[in-house]
């Protein structure tokens, strides 16, 4: 059964009630998950190219509100009862993984086992510089970080001896409610990401940007081959897809291809998503293209009432 989630407006919405309204609407509409994005800082003079825009443009200005993802998800956990709570994605190398492990485990316990931890290496060099971290080490830090999470979540007496993280005979309780731990989704689309998924991921979460169903299917088969070589079952890894959708009354028709957006109407969106379900996508993380809270809520209504029934029907 294909699942559908929607991104929370933890970016750009200056009304703090927007988060609550969207979370409550998503759960009432029968969606399966809500997601929060992550950045700690945004530079005022960035030169790093954004990988998911043809021109490399990052369209979020540095003075736009960008709320902390874990705080938002904890708030949403308290006003919902069923819907899953995901990070899309957490930039794990920016934080010590033991601290992230504590936060995620606490959220999983308090929410009754509803957390999905999406992680990625990050792309914004200035963010790493501001935090005193070496940007070029981010991939290796992410690999070690995932291993640290699994170690501290599953062992009563945990130790780790890596290049970036070292500790001996420690414990961090509570462990997550989900056993052995919340699912770890790995975001991104590059070859190192694919190897990371094959080795340690539960779900691969690439963006719908510059990929066709055929190319995505081929890459997913490659990941399964690599998983098999790592002595993991081929079916141990699932496939999700992050999709920008523009269902506004006046969508931006000038450049949807530059950012990989799928434009309405509902039937067209359903047709596009159905092609990816055919090649194995089991969960869609939808990012509404929005100027206002009304745009986000309109997107959820159309997805729940028109798009998802067509896809599932």
Protein backbone atom coordinates (compact mmCIF):
# COMPACT_ATOMS: atom_id res chain seq x y z
CA UNK A 1 0.00 0.00 0.00
CA UNK A 2 1.46 3.32 -1.09
CA UNK A 3 1.67 5.99 1.61
CA UNK A 4 1.59 9.78 1.29
CA UNK A 5 3.06 12.46 3.48
CA UNK A 6 3.28 16.23 3.37
CA UNK A 7 5.92 18.70 4.48
CA UNK A 8 5.08 20.89 7.43
CA UNK A 9 5.46 24.66 7.00
CA UNK A 10 8.46 24.97 9.29
CA UNK A 11 9.99 27.16 6.57
CA UNK A 12 8.65 30.58 5.72
CA UNK A 13 5.39 30.69 7.68
CA UNK A 14 5.40 33.64 10.06
CA UNK A 15 2.16 32.56 11.74
CA UNK A 16 3.06 29.95 14.39
CA UNK A 17 -0.46 28.52 14.11
CA UNK A 18 0.30 27.29 10.59
CA UNK A 19 2.20 24.28 11.89
CA UNK A 20 -0.71 23.12 14.03
CA UNK A 21 -3.32 23.73 11.33
CA UNK A 22 -1.39 21.79 8.69
CA UNK A 23 -0.61 18.87 11.01
CA UNK A 24 -4.23 18.56 12.14
CA UNK A 25 -5.48 18.83 8.56
CA UNK A 26 -3.04 16.20 7.29
CA UNK A 27 -4.07 13.71 9.96
CA UNK A 28 -7.79 14.39 9.48
CA UNK A 29 -7.40 14.00 5.71
CA UNK A 30 -5.94 10.51 6.15
CA UNK A 31 -2.38 11.26 5.10
CA UNK A 32 0.26 8.94 6.51
CA UNK A 33 3.08 11.28 7.53
CA UNK A 34 4.23 14.85 8.10
CA UNK A 35 7.80 16.02 7.58
CA UNK A 36 10.05 18.82 8.75
CA UNK A 37 13.11 20.18 6.95
CA UNK A 38 16.45 21.13 8.49
CA UNK A 39 19.03 23.89 8.45
CA UNK A 40 20.73 25.43 11.46
CA UNK A 41 21.86 28.62 9.75
CA UNK A 42 21.63 30.16 6.29
CA UNK A 43 24.47 32.38 5.10
CA UNK A 44 23.70 35.87 3.86
CA UNK A 45 26.24 35.50 1.08
CA UNK A 46 26.07 31.87 -0.04
CA UNK A 47 28.04 30.63 -3.02
CA UNK A 48 27.22 26.93 -2.66
CA UNK A 49 25.11 25.67 -5.58
CA UNK A 50 21.81 24.09 -4.56
CA UNK A 51 21.79 20.60 -6.13
CA UNK A 52 18.04 20.47 -6.81
CA UNK A 53 17.64 23.50 -9.06
CA UNK A 54 18.90 23.69 -12.63
CA UNK A 55 20.54 27.06 -11.99
CA UNK A 56 21.83 26.08 -8.55
CA UNK A 57 19.57 28.66 -6.91
CA UNK A 58 18.47 28.14 -3.32
CA UNK A 59 15.16 29.97 -3.16
CA UNK A 60 14.99 30.41 0.63
CA UNK A 61 16.31 33.82 1.71
CA UNK A 62 18.36 33.92 4.92
CA UNK A 63 15.82 36.12 6.74
CA UNK A 64 12.97 33.68 6.18
CA UNK A 65 11.86 31.87 9.37
CA UNK A 66 13.27 28.33 9.42
CA UNK A 67 12.14 26.59 12.60
CA UNK A 68 14.02 23.72 14.24
CA UNK A 69 12.70 20.43 12.91
CA UNK A 70 12.77 18.39 16.11
CA UNK A 71 11.01 21.11 18.12
CA UNK A 72 8.32 21.28 15.44
CA UNK A 73 7.87 17.51 15.34
CA UNK A 74 7.65 17.32 19.14
CA UNK A 75 4.94 19.97 19.05
CA UNK A 76 3.08 18.12 16.32
CA UNK A 77 3.39 14.82 18.23
CA UNK A 78 1.40 16.37 21.05
CA UNK A 79 -1.51 17.48 18.85
CA UNK A 80 -1.80 14.33 16.71
CA UNK A 81 -2.33 10.68 17.53
CA UNK A 82 -1.71 8.59 14.42
CA UNK A 83 0.33 10.30 11.75
CA UNK A 84 4.04 9.48 11.38
CA UNK A 85 6.62 12.17 12.14
CA UNK A 86 9.55 12.41 9.74
CA UNK A 87 12.69 14.45 9.14
CA UNK A 88 13.18 15.26 5.47
CA UNK A 89 15.96 15.41 6.05
CA UNK A 90 18.12 15.73 9.15
CA UNK A 91 21.62 16.96 8.31
CA UNK A 92 23.22 14.51 10.70
CA UNK A 93 26.89 15.58 10.21
CA UNK A 94 26.03 19.02 11.64
CA UNK A 95 25.33 17.51 15.07
CA UNK A 96 26.93 14.91 17.29
CA UNK A 97 25.04 11.66 16.60
CA UNK A 98 24.76 10.84 20.32
CA UNK A 99 22.76 14.05 20.81
CA UNK A 100 20.55 13.23 17.82
CA UNK A 101 20.06 9.69 19.15
CA UNK A 102 18.78 11.07 22.46
CA UNK A 103 16.39 13.50 20.78
CA UNK A 104 15.00 10.94 18.33
CA UNK A 105 14.57 8.25 20.98
CA UNK A 106 12.74 10.69 23.25
CA UNK A 107 10.45 11.78 20.43
CA UNK A 108 9.76 8.17 19.48
CA UNK A 109 8.80 7.29 23.06
CA UNK A 110 6.60 10.35 23.56
CA UNK A 111 4.84 9.88 20.21
CA UNK A 112 4.16 6.17 20.69
CA UNK A 113 6.66 5.00 18.08
CA UNK A 114 5.84 7.30 15.16
CA UNK A 115 9.26 8.65 14.16
CA UNK A 116 10.96 8.27 10.78
CA UNK A 117 14.53 9.55 10.71
CA UNK A 118 15.53 10.80 7.29
CA UNK A 119 19.20 11.78 7.08
CA UNK A 120 21.53 13.30 4.52
CA UNK A 121 25.05 14.66 4.29
CA UNK A 122 24.14 18.25 3.41
CA UNK A 123 25.16 20.55 0.56
CA UNK A 124 25.71 24.00 2.07
CA UNK A 125 29.43 24.50 2.67
CA UNK A 126 28.92 27.79 4.53
CA UNK A 127 26.77 26.03 7.12
CA UNK A 128 29.57 23.58 7.90
CA UNK A 129 32.09 26.43 8.04
CA UNK A 130 29.96 28.37 10.53
CA UNK A 131 29.79 25.33 12.82
CA UNK A 132 33.51 24.65 12.59
CA UNK A 133 33.10 21.44 10.60
CA UNK A 134 34.99 20.25 7.53
CA UNK A 135 32.55 20.20 4.61
CA UNK A 136 34.50 17.58 2.67
CA UNK A 137 34.21 15.11 5.56
CA UNK A 138 30.41 15.19 5.63
CA UNK A 139 29.87 11.88 3.84
CA UNK A 140 32.21 9.95 6.11
CA UNK A 141 30.70 11.68 9.15
CA UNK A 142 27.23 10.64 8.04
CA UNK A 143 28.30 7.03 7.59
CA UNK A 144 29.81 6.95 11.07
CA UNK A 145 26.84 8.84 12.49
CA UNK A 146 24.37 6.23 11.28
CA UNK A 147 26.49 3.51 12.87
CA UNK A 148 26.60 5.47 16.15
CA UNK A 149 22.81 5.75 16.17
CA UNK A 150 22.34 2.03 15.71
CA UNK A 151 24.97 1.25 18.35
CA UNK A 152 23.57 3.48 21.09
CA UNK A 153 19.95 2.53 20.35
CA UNK A 154 20.48 -1.22 20.53
CA UNK A 155 23.23 -1.84 23.08
CA UNK A 156 22.99 -1.64 26.87
CA UNK A 157 26.72 -0.92 26.90
CA UNK A 158 27.73 0.91 23.75
CA UNK A 159 31.18 1.68 22.37
CA UNK A 160 32.41 3.17 19.12
CA UNK A 161 35.87 3.82 17.71
CA UNK A 162 35.68 5.80 14.48
CA UNK A 163 37.56 8.57 12.78
CA UNK A 164 35.16 11.28 13.94
CA UNK A 165 33.29 9.76 16.89
CA UNK A 166 34.77 7.79 19.76
CA UNK A 167 33.23 6.63 23.03
CA UNK A 168 33.50 3.62 25.31
CA UNK A 169 31.03 1.83 27.57
CA UNK A 170 28.17 4.31 27.62
CA UNK A 171 24.38 4.02 27.66
CA UNK A 172 21.56 6.36 26.62
CA UNK A 173 18.04 5.52 27.74
CA UNK A 174 15.25 5.43 26.89
CA UNK A 175 15.80 3.39 23.78
CA UNK A 176 13.29 4.08 21.00
CA UNK A 177 9.85 2.50 21.18
CA UNK A 178 10.27 1.11 17.67
CA UNK A 179 12.51 -1.93 17.61
CA UNK A 180 15.29 -2.26 16.87
CA UNK A 181 15.10 1.50 16.13
CA UNK A 182 13.11 4.01 14.04
CA UNK A 183 13.49 3.49 10.29
CA UNK A 184 16.45 5.34 8.81
CA UNK A 185 15.74 6.92 5.44
CA UNK A 186 18.71 8.17 3.41
CA UNK A 187 18.16 11.23 1.25
CA UNK A 188 20.03 12.16 -1.92
CA UNK A 189 20.69 10.82 -5.38
CA UNK A 190 24.45 10.42 -5.88
CA UNK A 191 26.49 7.23 -6.08
CA UNK A 192 27.84 7.64 -2.52
CA UNK A 193 24.25 8.00 -1.33
CA UNK A 194 23.30 4.79 -3.11
CA UNK A 195 26.18 2.93 -1.47
CA UNK A 196 25.12 4.36 1.91
CA UNK A 197 21.55 3.16 1.42
CA UNK A 198 22.74 -0.31 0.43
CA UNK A 199 24.96 -0.61 3.48
CA UNK A 200 22.85 0.91 6.23
CA UNK A 201 19.55 2.44 5.04
CA UNK A 202 16.02 1.17 5.44
CA UNK A 203 14.53 3.45 2.77
CA UNK A 204 16.06 5.43 -0.09
CA UNK A 205 14.58 8.93 -0.40
CA UNK A 206 15.77 10.66 -3.60
CA UNK A 207 14.13 13.81 -4.95
CA UNK A 208 12.09 13.84 -8.14
CA UNK A 209 14.67 15.95 -9.92
CA UNK A 210 16.12 14.95 -13.25
CA UNK A 211 15.04 11.33 -12.95
CA UNK A 212 12.57 9.27 -14.93
CA UNK A 213 10.77 6.17 -13.70
CA UNK A 214 13.14 4.10 -15.82
CA UNK A 215 16.32 5.67 -14.43
CA UNK A 216 15.01 5.47 -10.86
CA UNK A 217 14.14 1.80 -11.30
CA UNK A 218 17.62 1.07 -12.65
CA UNK A 219 19.29 2.87 -9.75
CA UNK A 220 17.08 1.06 -7.23
CA UNK A 221 18.07 -2.28 -8.72
CA UNK A 222 21.69 -1.20 -8.40
CA UNK A 223 21.15 -0.47 -4.71
CA UNK A 224 19.59 -3.90 -4.24
CA UNK A 225 22.62 -5.48 -5.91
CA UNK A 226 24.94 -3.58 -3.58
CA UNK A 227 22.84 -4.58 -0.58
CA UNK A 228 23.14 -8.20 -1.59
CA UNK A 229 26.91 -7.81 -1.82
CA UNK A 230 26.81 -6.38 1.72
CA UNK A 231 24.95 -9.54 2.82
CA UNK A 232 21.63 -7.78 3.23
CA UNK A 233 18.36 -9.08 1.72
CA UNK A 234 17.40 -7.34 -1.51
CA UNK A 235 13.96 -6.58 -0.11
CA UNK A 236 15.39 -5.01 3.07
CA UNK A 237 15.37 -1.59 1.37
CA UNK A 238 12.27 0.31 0.28
CA UNK A 239 11.93 3.24 -2.08
CA UNK A 240 10.35 6.61 -1.32
CA UNK A 241 10.28 9.79 -3.40
CA UNK A 242 10.37 13.48 -2.48
CA UNK A 243 8.12 15.42 -4.85
CA UNK A 244 7.48 19.14 -5.27
CA UNK A 245 3.83 19.63 -6.25
CA UNK A 246 2.26 22.87 -7.43
CA UNK A 247 -1.52 22.76 -7.10
CA UNK A 248 -2.03 26.46 -6.55
CA UNK A 249 -4.83 28.27 -8.37
CA UNK A 250 -2.08 30.22 -10.14
CA UNK A 251 0.87 27.82 -10.34
CA UNK A 252 4.32 28.95 -11.38
CA UNK A 253 4.36 27.74 -14.98
CA UNK A 254 7.53 29.61 -15.95
CA UNK A 255 10.04 27.17 -14.60
CA UNK A 256 8.73 23.99 -12.97
CA UNK A 257 11.40 21.95 -14.74
CA UNK A 258 14.14 24.04 -13.13
CA UNK A 259 13.14 22.71 -9.71
CA UNK A 260 11.59 19.36 -10.61
CA UNK A 261 8.05 20.39 -9.71
CA UNK A 262 4.92 18.52 -10.82
CA UNK A 263 2.15 20.91 -11.83
CA UNK A 264 -1.58 20.35 -11.49
CA UNK A 265 -4.33 19.67 -12.29
CA UNK A 266 -4.99 16.73 -9.99
CA UNK A 267 -5.31 14.19 -12.79
CA UNK A 268 -1.89 15.08 -14.17
CA UNK A 269 -0.26 14.78 -10.73
CA UNK A 270 -1.91 11.40 -10.20
CA UNK A 271 -0.68 10.22 -13.60
CA UNK A 272 2.92 11.20 -12.80
CA UNK A 273 2.89 9.59 -9.35
CA UNK A 274 1.34 6.38 -10.68
CA UNK A 275 4.31 5.85 -12.99
CA UNK A 276 6.64 5.83 -10.00
CA UNK A 277 4.43 3.49 -8.00
CA UNK A 278 4.77 1.02 -10.87
CA UNK A 279 8.54 0.86 -10.32
CA UNK A 280 8.30 0.37 -6.56
CA UNK A 281 7.86 3.72 -4.79
CA UNK A 282 6.00 2.98 -1.56
CA UNK A 283 5.91 6.43 0.06
CA UNK A 284 5.69 9.96 -1.36
CA UNK A 285 6.91 12.97 0.61
CA UNK A 286 5.05 15.89 -0.96
CA UNK A 287 6.36 19.45 -0.76
CA UNK A 288 3.58 21.91 -1.59
CA UNK A 289 4.73 24.89 -3.62
CA UNK A 290 3.16 27.65 -1.57
CA UNK A 291 3.08 31.36 -1.01
CA UNK A 292 0.59 31.22 1.86
CA UNK A 293 -0.96 28.87 4.41
CA UNK A 294 -4.03 28.73 2.14
CA UNK A 295 -1.83 27.33 -0.65
CA UNK A 296 -0.57 24.53 1.63
CA UNK A 297 -4.06 23.67 2.85
CA UNK A 298 -5.43 23.72 -0.71
CA UNK A 299 -2.70 21.27 -1.73
CA UNK A 300 -3.57 18.88 1.09
CA UNK A 301 -7.27 19.01 0.23
CA UNK A 302 -6.70 18.32 -3.47
CA UNK A 303 -4.20 15.54 -2.75
CA UNK A 304 -6.55 13.83 -0.28
CA UNK A 305 -9.77 14.28 -2.25
CA UNK A 306 -8.63 14.00 -5.87
CA UNK A 307 -5.04 12.83 -6.38
CA UNK A 308 -4.63 9.99 -3.89
CA UNK A 309 -7.99 8.32 -4.72
CA UNK A 310 -7.01 8.34 -8.41
CA UNK A 311 -3.60 6.85 -7.67
CA UNK A 312 -4.94 4.18 -5.34
CA UNK A 313 -7.98 3.52 -7.50
